[in-house]
Amino acid sequence: MDQPQYDKRVVRVPYDQLSPEILEAVIKEFILREGTDYGEVEVPFEQKVDRVKKQLKSGKAFIVFDDFMQSCNILSKNDPRLRDLDREN
């Protein structure tokens, strides 16, 4: 059975097109989904939120929406899935 190609069902969502409340919710959900921090020093949750916001604003990360899964994700600019998406567009 053929599965849909990632790049056929995923679109990039400009972070600045989201309301501040929705952006915050997407970032928080992403951080919670990523799991436990295994570094030597525990990073406070709000600091993690700020880091992700900075990555989005600097272009080091991007929000994508998967129409098939009806979910958002945040990908590093180096993520191969994002490169595949860019090739199609």
PDB file of N, CA and C in Angstrom:
ATOM      1  N   MET A   1       0.844  -1.176   0.000  1.00  0.00           N
ATOM      2  CA  MET A   1       0.000   0.000   0.000  1.00  0.00           C
ATOM      3  C   MET A   1       0.887   1.236   0.000  1.00  0.00           C
ATOM      4  N   ASP A   2       0.616   2.150  -0.896  1.00  0.00           N
ATOM      5  CA  ASP A   2       1.399   3.368  -0.977  1.00  0.00           C
ATOM      6  C   ASP A   2       0.986   4.337   0.123  1.00  0.00           C
ATOM      7  N   GLN A   3       2.014   4.916   0.773  1.00  0.00           N
ATOM      8  CA  GLN A   3       1.748   5.954   1.751  1.00  0.00           C
ATOM      9  C   GLN A   3       1.987   7.299   1.092  1.00  0.00           C
ATOM     10  N   PRO A   4       1.246   8.334   1.493  1.00  0.00           N
ATOM     11  CA  PRO A   4       1.465   9.651   0.902  1.00  0.00           C
ATOM     12  C   PRO A   4       2.886  10.124   1.168  1.00  0.00           C
ATOM     13  N   GLN A   5       3.476  10.785   0.205  1.00  0.00           N
ATOM     14  CA  GLN A   5       4.797  11.350   0.391  1.00  0.00           C
ATOM     15  C   GLN A   5       4.700  12.472   1.413  1.00  0.00           C
ATOM     16  N   TYR A   6       5.729  12.602   2.247  1.00  0.00           N
ATOM     17  CA  TYR A   6       5.735  13.646   3.277  1.00  0.00           C
ATOM     18  C   TYR A   6       5.514  15.014   2.651  1.00  0.00           C
ATOM     19  N   ASP A   7       6.235  15.300   1.587  1.00  0.00           N
ATOM     20  CA  ASP A   7       6.179  16.631   0.998  1.00  0.00           C
ATOM     21  C   ASP A   7       4.867  16.912   0.280  1.00  0.00           C
ATOM     22  N   LYS A   8       4.037  15.911   0.026  1.00  0.00           N
ATOM     23  CA  LYS A   8       2.760  16.111  -0.658  1.00  0.00           C
ATOM     24  C   LYS A   8       1.660  16.560   0.296  1.00  0.00           C
ATOM     25  N   ARG A   9       1.849  16.332   1.576  1.00  0.00           N
ATOM     26  CA  ARG A   9       0.779  16.625   2.521  1.00  0.00           C
ATOM     27  C   ARG A   9       1.191  17.596   3.616  1.00  0.00           C
ATOM     28  N   VAL A  10       2.378  18.153   3.494  1.00  0.00           N
ATOM     29  CA  VAL A  10       2.904  19.041   4.518  1.00  0.00           C
ATOM     30  C   VAL A  10       3.174  20.420   3.921  1.00  0.00           C
ATOM     31  N   VAL A  11       2.788  21.449   4.661  1.00  0.00           N
ATOM     32  CA  VAL A  11       3.054  22.817   4.228  1.00  0.00           C
ATOM     33  C   VAL A  11       3.775  23.569   5.334  1.00  0.00           C
ATOM     34  N   ARG A  12       4.613  24.481   4.914  1.00  0.00           N
ATOM     35  CA  ARG A  12       5.313  25.345   5.862  1.00  0.00           C
ATOM     36  C   ARG A  12       4.345  26.434   6.313  1.00  0.00           C
ATOM     37  N   VAL A  13       4.354  26.738   7.602  1.00  0.00           N
ATOM     38  CA  VAL A  13       3.483  27.766   8.175  1.00  0.00           C
ATOM     39  C   VAL A  13       4.366  28.886   8.721  1.00  0.00           C
ATOM     40  N   PRO A  14       4.308  30.073   8.138  1.00  0.00           N
ATOM     41  CA  PRO A  14       5.113  31.180   8.668  1.00  0.00           C
ATOM     42  C   PRO A  14       4.705  31.490  10.111  1.00  0.00           C
ATOM     43  N   TYR A  15       5.685  31.486  11.003  1.00  0.00           N
ATOM     44  CA  TYR A  15       5.376  31.711  12.423  1.00  0.00           C
ATOM     45  C   TYR A  15       4.687  33.057  12.642  1.00  0.00           C
ATOM     46  N   ASP A  16       5.035  34.053  11.831  1.00  0.00           N
ATOM     47  CA  ASP A  16       4.470  35.380  12.042  1.00  0.00           C
ATOM     48  C   ASP A  16       3.046  35.523  11.495  1.00  0.00           C
ATOM     49  N   GLN A  17       2.530  34.453  10.895  1.00  0.00           N
ATOM     50  CA  GLN A  17       1.141  34.455  10.443  1.00  0.00           C
ATOM     51  C   GLN A  17       0.200  33.874  11.508  1.00  0.00           C
ATOM     52  N   LEU A  18       0.776  33.371  12.592  1.00  0.00           N
ATOM     53  CA  LEU A  18      -0.017  32.818  13.696  1.00  0.00           C
ATOM     54  C   LEU A  18      -0.215  33.891  14.756  1.00  0.00           C
ATOM     55  N   SER A  19      -1.350  33.828  15.432  1.00  0.00           N
ATOM     56  CA  SER A  19      -1.554  34.745  16.556  1.00  0.00           C
ATOM     57  C   SER A  19      -0.545  34.385  17.651  1.00  0.00           C
ATOM     58  N   PRO A  20      -0.196  35.341  18.520  1.00  0.00           N
ATOM     59  CA  PRO A  20       0.748  35.034  19.604  1.00  0.00           C
ATOM     60  C   PRO A  20       0.301  33.845  20.458  1.00  0.00           C
ATOM     61  N   GLU A  21      -1.016  33.734  20.687  1.00  0.00           N
ATOM     62  CA  GLU A  21      -1.530  32.634  21.510  1.00  0.00           C
ATOM     63  C   GLU A  21      -1.349  31.282  20.821  1.00  0.00           C
ATOM     64  N   ILE A  22      -1.632  31.232  19.525  1.00  0.00           N
ATOM     65  CA  ILE A  22      -1.487  29.967  18.787  1.00  0.00           C
ATOM     66  C   ILE A  22      -0.019  29.594  18.670  1.00  0.00           C
ATOM     67  N   LEU A  23       0.840  30.576  18.382  1.00  0.00           N
ATOM     68  CA  LEU A  23       2.281  30.314  18.297  1.00  0.00           C
ATOM     69  C   LEU A  23       2.791  29.731  19.607  1.00  0.00           C
ATOM     70  N   GLU A  24       2.402  30.338  20.699  1.00  0.00           N
ATOM     71  CA  GLU A  24       2.816  29.860  22.020  1.00  0.00           C
ATOM     72  C   GLU A  24       2.331  28.421  22.247  1.00  0.00           C
ATOM     73  N   ALA A  25       1.101  28.125  21.877  1.00  0.00           N
ATOM     74  CA  ALA A  25       0.550  26.781  22.059  1.00  0.00           C
ATOM     75  C   ALA A  25       1.296  25.756  21.205  1.00  0.00           C
ATOM     76  N   VAL A  26       1.618  26.110  19.965  1.00  0.00           N
ATOM     77  CA  VAL A  26       2.348  25.195  19.081  1.00  0.00           C
ATOM     78  C   VAL A  26       3.735  24.904  19.662  1.00  0.00           C
ATOM     79  N   ILE A  27       4.409  25.948  20.125  1.00  0.00           N
ATOM     80  CA  ILE A  27       5.754  25.774  20.701  1.00  0.00           C
ATOM     81  C   ILE A  27       5.696  24.922  21.963  1.00  0.00           C
ATOM     82  N   LYS A  28       4.755  25.207  22.852  1.00  0.00           N
ATOM     83  CA  LYS A  28       4.656  24.441  24.101  1.00  0.00           C
ATOM     84  C   LYS A  28       4.335  22.979  23.831  1.00  0.00           C
ATOM     85  N   GLU A  29       3.437  22.719  22.911  1.00  0.00           N
ATOM     86  CA  GLU A  29       3.095  21.330  22.568  1.00  0.00           C
ATOM     87  C   GLU A  29       4.317  20.609  21.998  1.00  0.00           C
ATOM     88  N   PHE A  30       5.081  21.287  21.164  1.00  0.00           N
ATOM     89  CA  PHE A  30       6.296  20.720  20.593  1.00  0.00           C
ATOM     90  C   PHE A  30       7.294  20.367  21.700  1.00  0.00           C
ATOM     91  N   ILE A  31       7.512  21.278  22.634  1.00  0.00           N
ATOM     92  CA  ILE A  31       8.470  21.037  23.717  1.00  0.00           C
ATOM     93  C   ILE A  31       8.021  19.873  24.584  1.00  0.00           C
ATOM     94  N   LEU A  32       6.741  19.831  24.926  1.00  0.00           N
ATOM     95  CA  LEU A  32       6.231  18.736  25.758  1.00  0.00           C
ATOM     96  C   LEU A  32       6.343  17.391  25.049  1.00  0.00           C
ATOM     97  N   ARG A  33       6.132  17.390  23.747  1.00  0.00           N
ATOM     98  CA  ARG A  33       6.223  16.162  22.956  1.00  0.00           C
ATOM     99  C   ARG A  33       7.666  15.656  22.861  1.00  0.00           C
ATOM    100  N   GLU A  34       8.616  16.585  22.906  1.00  0.00           N
ATOM    101  CA  GLU A  34      10.026  16.218  22.751  1.00  0.00           C
ATOM    102  C   GLU A  34      10.569  15.453  23.947  1.00  0.00           C
ATOM    103  N   GLY A  35       9.912  15.526  25.090  1.00  0.00           N
ATOM    104  CA  GLY A  35      10.310  14.702  26.228  1.00  0.00           C
ATOM    105  C   GLY A  35      11.210  15.397  27.229  1.00  0.00           C
ATOM    106  N   THR A  36      11.894  14.572  28.013  1.00  0.00           N
ATOM    107  CA  THR A  36      12.708  15.036  29.125  1.00  0.00           C
ATOM    108  C   THR A  36      14.023  15.627  28.650  1.00  0.00           C
ATOM    109  N   ASP A  37      14.472  16.635  29.372  1.00  0.00           N
ATOM    110  CA  ASP A  37      15.768  17.252  29.100  1.00  0.00           C
ATOM    111  C   ASP A  37      16.840  16.401  29.784  1.00  0.00           C
ATOM    112  N   TYR A  38      17.795  15.877  29.008  1.00  0.00           N
ATOM    113  CA  TYR A  38      18.823  15.002  29.563  1.00  0.00           C
ATOM    114  C   TYR A  38      20.166  15.698  29.744  1.00  0.00           C
ATOM    115  N   GLY A  39      20.194  17.022  29.665  1.00  0.00           N
ATOM    116  CA  GLY A  39      21.441  17.757  29.847  1.00  0.00           C
ATOM    117  C   GLY A  39      21.874  17.759  31.301  1.00  0.00           C
ATOM    118  N   GLU A  40      23.070  18.281  31.526  1.00  0.00           N
ATOM    119  CA  GLU A  40      23.597  18.343  32.889  1.00  0.00           C
ATOM    120  C   GLU A  40      22.795  19.298  33.761  1.00  0.00           C
ATOM    121  N   VAL A  41      22.261  20.345  33.140  1.00  0.00           N
ATOM    122  CA  VAL A  41      21.488  21.350  33.870  1.00  0.00           C
ATOM    123  C   VAL A  41      20.076  21.376  33.302  1.00  0.00           C
ATOM    124  N   GLU A  42      19.098  21.281  34.184  1.00  0.00           N
ATOM    125  CA  GLU A  42      17.694  21.345  33.760  1.00  0.00           C
ATOM    126  C   GLU A  42      17.383  22.761  33.277  1.00  0.00           C
ATOM    127  N   VAL A  43      16.807  22.872  32.095  1.00  0.00           N
ATOM    128  CA  VAL A  43      16.455  24.170  31.526  1.00  0.00           C
ATOM    129  C   VAL A  43      14.985  24.444  31.847  1.00  0.00           C
ATOM    130  N   PRO A  44      14.691  25.606  32.439  1.00  0.00           N
ATOM    131  CA  PRO A  44      13.295  25.942  32.754  1.00  0.00           C
ATOM    132  C   PRO A  44      12.439  25.954  31.482  1.00  0.00           C
ATOM    133  N   PHE A  45      11.190  25.549  31.647  1.00  0.00           N
ATOM    134  CA  PHE A  45      10.266  25.426  30.514  1.00  0.00           C
ATOM    135  C   PHE A  45      10.153  26.727  29.725  1.00  0.00           C
ATOM    136  N   GLU A  46       9.991  27.855  30.396  1.00  0.00           N
ATOM    137  CA  GLU A  46       9.832  29.134  29.698  1.00  0.00           C
ATOM    138  C   GLU A  46      11.091  29.501  28.915  1.00  0.00           C
ATOM    139  N   GLN A  47      12.247  29.083  29.403  1.00  0.00           N
ATOM    140  CA  GLN A  47      13.487  29.327  28.665  1.00  0.00           C
ATOM    141  C   GLN A  47      13.513  28.487  27.382  1.00  0.00           C
ATOM    142  N   LYS A  48      12.981  27.280  27.463  1.00  0.00           N
ATOM    143  CA  LYS A  48      12.876  26.438  26.262  1.00  0.00           C
ATOM    144  C   LYS A  48      11.949  27.092  25.238  1.00  0.00           C
ATOM    145  N   VAL A  49      10.831  27.640  25.711  1.00  0.00           N
ATOM    146  CA  VAL A  49       9.888  28.327  24.822  1.00  0.00           C
ATOM    147  C   VAL A  49      10.599  29.493  24.140  1.00  0.00           C
ATOM    148  N   ASP A  50      11.331  30.276  24.900  1.00  0.00           N
ATOM    149  CA  ASP A  50      12.051  31.419  24.329  1.00  0.00           C
ATOM    150  C   ASP A  50      13.082  30.974  23.299  1.00  0.00           C
ATOM    151  N   ARG A  51      13.773  29.886  23.560  1.00  0.00           N
ATOM    152  CA  ARG A  51      14.780  29.371  22.610  1.00  0.00           C
ATOM    153  C   ARG A  51      14.138  28.972  21.289  1.00  0.00           C
ATOM    154  N   VAL A  52      13.007  28.286  21.373  1.00  0.00           N
ATOM    155  CA  VAL A  52      12.327  27.861  20.147  1.00  0.00           C
ATOM    156  C   VAL A  52      11.835  29.079  19.373  1.00  0.00           C
ATOM    157  N   LYS A  53      11.288  30.070  20.068  1.00  0.00           N
ATOM    158  CA  LYS A  53      10.840  31.306  19.404  1.00  0.00           C
ATOM    159  C   LYS A  53      12.003  31.963  18.667  1.00  0.00           C
ATOM    160  N   LYS A  54      13.152  32.032  19.308  1.00  0.00           N
ATOM    161  CA  LYS A  54      14.328  32.642  18.676  1.00  0.00           C
ATOM    162  C   LYS A  54      14.753  31.850  17.439  1.00  0.00           C
ATOM    163  N   GLN A  55      14.681  30.528  17.521  1.00  0.00           N
ATOM    164  CA  GLN A  55      15.041  29.705  16.362  1.00  0.00           C
ATOM    165  C   GLN A  55      14.078  29.943  15.204  1.00  0.00           C
ATOM    166  N   LEU A  56      12.808  30.086  15.503  1.00  0.00           N
ATOM    167  CA  LEU A  56      11.819  30.370  14.461  1.00  0.00           C
ATOM    168  C   LEU A  56      12.077  31.739  13.834  1.00  0.00           C
ATOM    169  N   LYS A  57      12.317  32.732  14.671  1.00  0.00           N
ATOM    170  CA  LYS A  57      12.530  34.091  14.173  1.00  0.00           C
ATOM    171  C   LYS A  57      13.819  34.218  13.371  1.00  0.00           C
ATOM    172  N   SER A  58      14.826  33.432  13.713  1.00  0.00           N
ATOM    173  CA  SER A  58      16.116  33.519  13.016  1.00  0.00           C
ATOM    174  C   SER A  58      16.175  32.632  11.771  1.00  0.00           C
ATOM    175  N   GLY A  59      15.144  31.816  11.560  1.00  0.00           N
ATOM    176  CA  GLY A  59      15.147  30.923  10.401  1.00  0.00           C
ATOM    177  C   GLY A  59      15.895  29.621  10.620  1.00  0.00           C
ATOM    178  N   LYS A  60      16.244  29.330  11.871  1.00  0.00           N
ATOM    179  CA  LYS A  60      16.923  28.069  12.185  1.00  0.00           C
ATOM    180  C   LYS A  60      15.934  26.921  12.353  1.00  0.00           C
ATOM    181  N   ALA A  61      14.643  27.255  12.468  1.00  0.00           N
ATOM    182  CA  ALA A  61      13.589  26.253  12.602  1.00  0.00           C
ATOM    183  C   ALA A  61      12.336  26.781  11.914  1.00  0.00           C
ATOM    184  N   PHE A  62      11.454  25.852  11.542  1.00  0.00           N
ATOM    185  CA  PHE A  62      10.231  26.208  10.826  1.00  0.00           C
ATOM    186  C   PHE A  62       9.066  25.386  11.340  1.00  0.00           C
ATOM    187  N   ILE A  63       7.882  25.984  11.315  1.00  0.00           N
ATOM    188  CA  ILE A  63       6.654  25.272  11.662  1.00  0.00           C
ATOM    189  C   ILE A  63       6.107  24.669  10.377  1.00  0.00           C
ATOM    190  N   VAL A  64       5.688  23.411  10.467  1.00  0.00           N
ATOM    191  CA  VAL A  64       5.042  22.746   9.343  1.00  0.00           C
ATOM    192  C   VAL A  64       3.716  22.164   9.818  1.00  0.00           C
ATOM    193  N   PHE A  65       2.762  22.107   8.903  1.00  0.00           N
ATOM    194  CA  PHE A  65       1.464  21.500   9.193  1.00  0.00           C
ATOM    195  C   PHE A  65       1.288  20.297   8.288  1.00  0.00           C
ATOM    196  N   ASP A  66       0.993  19.159   8.900  1.00  0.00           N
ATOM    197  CA  ASP A  66       0.766  17.913   8.178  1.00  0.00           C
ATOM    198  C   ASP A  66      -0.741  17.727   8.026  1.00  0.00           C
ATOM    199  N   ASP A  67      -1.227  17.896   6.805  1.00  0.00           N
ATOM    200  CA  ASP A  67      -2.661  17.806   6.541  1.00  0.00           C
ATOM    201  C   ASP A  67      -3.199  16.403   6.803  1.00  0.00           C
ATOM    202  N   PHE A  68      -2.427  15.384   6.490  1.00  0.00           N
ATOM    203  CA  PHE A  68      -2.859  14.004   6.692  1.00  0.00           C
ATOM    204  C   PHE A  68      -3.033  13.698   8.184  1.00  0.00           C
ATOM    205  N   MET A  69      -2.079  14.143   8.996  1.00  0.00           N
ATOM    206  CA  MET A  69      -2.121  13.873  10.437  1.00  0.00           C
ATOM    207  C   MET A  69      -2.870  14.966  11.214  1.00  0.00           C
ATOM    208  N   GLN A  70      -3.163  16.086  10.531  1.00  0.00           N
ATOM    209  CA  GLN A  70      -3.830  17.222  11.176  1.00  0.00           C
ATOM    210  C   GLN A  70      -3.043  17.677  12.411  1.00  0.00           C
ATOM    211  N   SER A  71      -1.729  17.874  12.217  1.00  0.00           N
ATOM    212  CA  SER A  71      -0.882  18.282  13.331  1.00  0.00           C
ATOM    213  C   SER A  71       0.237  19.192  12.857  1.00  0.00           C
ATOM    214  N   CYS A  72       0.756  19.956  13.802  1.00  0.00           N
ATOM    215  CA  CYS A  72       1.897  20.833  13.541  1.00  0.00           C
ATOM    216  C   CYS A  72       3.153  20.213  14.124  1.00  0.00           C
ATOM    217  N   ASN A  73       4.278  20.600  13.544  1.00  0.00           N
ATOM    218  CA  ASN A  73       5.565  20.194  14.068  1.00  0.00           C
ATOM    219  C   ASN A  73       6.526  21.337  13.827  1.00  0.00           C
ATOM    220  N   ILE A  74       7.638  21.320  14.538  1.00  0.00           N
ATOM    221  CA  ILE A  74       8.695  22.302  14.333  1.00  0.00           C
ATOM    222  C   ILE A  74       9.925  21.528  13.903  1.00  0.00           C
ATOM    223  N   LEU A  75      10.475  21.921  12.762  1.00  0.00           N
ATOM    224  CA  LEU A  75      11.625  21.229  12.203  1.00  0.00           C
ATOM    225  C   LEU A  75      12.819  22.163  12.114  1.00  0.00           C
ATOM    226  N   SER A  76      13.991  21.601  12.357  1.00  0.00           N
ATOM    227  CA  SER A  76      15.232  22.331  12.142  1.00  0.00           C
ATOM    228  C   SER A  76      15.391  22.607  10.657  1.00  0.00           C
ATOM    229  N   LYS A  77      16.036  23.707  10.318  1.00  0.00           N
ATOM    230  CA  LYS A  77      16.248  24.022   8.904  1.00  0.00           C
ATOM    231  C   LYS A  77      17.057  22.935   8.204  1.00  0.00           C
ATOM    232  N   ASN A  78      17.772  22.104   8.952  1.00  0.00           N
ATOM    233  CA  ASN A  78      18.578  21.027   8.380  1.00  0.00           C
ATOM    234  C   ASN A  78      17.830  19.698   8.300  1.00  0.00           C
ATOM    235  N   ASP A  79      16.602  19.668   8.732  1.00  0.00           N
ATOM    236  CA  ASP A  79      15.828  18.428   8.710  1.00  0.00           C
ATOM    237  C   ASP A  79      15.585  18.000   7.257  1.00  0.00           C
ATOM    238  N   PRO A  80      15.893  16.750   6.895  1.00  0.00           N
ATOM    239  CA  PRO A  80      15.705  16.294   5.516  1.00  0.00           C
ATOM    240  C   PRO A  80      14.264  16.412   5.028  1.00  0.00           C
ATOM    241  N   ARG A  81      13.303  16.284   5.914  1.00  0.00           N
ATOM    242  CA  ARG A  81      11.900  16.415   5.505  1.00  0.00           C
ATOM    243  C   ARG A  81      11.615  17.820   4.999  1.00  0.00           C
ATOM    244  N   LEU A  82      12.248  18.806   5.604  1.00  0.00           N
ATOM    245  CA  LEU A  82      12.060  20.182   5.171  1.00  0.00           C
ATOM    246  C   LEU A  82      12.740  20.409   3.821  1.00  0.00           C
ATOM    247  N   ARG A  83      13.894  19.800   3.620  1.00  0.00           N
ATOM    248  CA  ARG A  83      14.577  19.927   2.329  1.00  0.00           C
ATOM    249  C   ARG A  83      13.733  19.296   1.234  1.00  0.00           C
ATOM    250  N   ASP A  84      13.118  18.150   1.521  1.00  0.00           N
ATOM    251  CA  ASP A  84      12.243  17.507   0.532  1.00  0.00           C
ATOM    252  C   ASP A  84      11.053  18.392   0.215  1.00  0.00           C
ATOM    253  N   LEU A  85      10.506  19.041   1.199  1.00  0.00           N
ATOM    254  CA  LEU A  85       9.376  19.943   1.006  1.00  0.00           C
ATOM    255  C   LEU A  85       9.780  21.115   0.121  1.00  0.00           C
ATOM    256  N   ASP A  86      10.951  21.688   0.384  1.00  0.00           N
ATOM    257  CA  ASP A  86      11.437  22.816  -0.405  1.00  0.00           C
ATOM    258  C   ASP A  86      11.680  22.427  -1.851  1.00  0.00           C
ATOM    259  N   ARG A  87      12.127  21.211  -2.093  1.00  0.00           N
ATOM    260  CA  ARG A  87      12.383  20.752  -3.459  1.00  0.00           C
ATOM    261  C   ARG A  87      11.101  20.691  -4.280  1.00  0.00           C
ATOM    262  N   GLU A  88      10.004  20.333  -3.630  1.00  0.00           N
ATOM    263  CA  GLU A  88       8.729  20.207  -4.321  1.00  0.00           C
ATOM    264  C   GLU A  88       8.111  21.558  -4.643  1.00  0.00           C
ATOM    265  N   ASN A  89       8.417  22.564  -3.831  1.00  0.00           N
ATOM    266  CA  ASN A  89       7.799  23.887  -4.013  1.00  0.00           C
ATOM    267  C   ASN A  89       8.700  24.729  -4.800  1.00  0.00           C
TER     268      ASN A  89
END
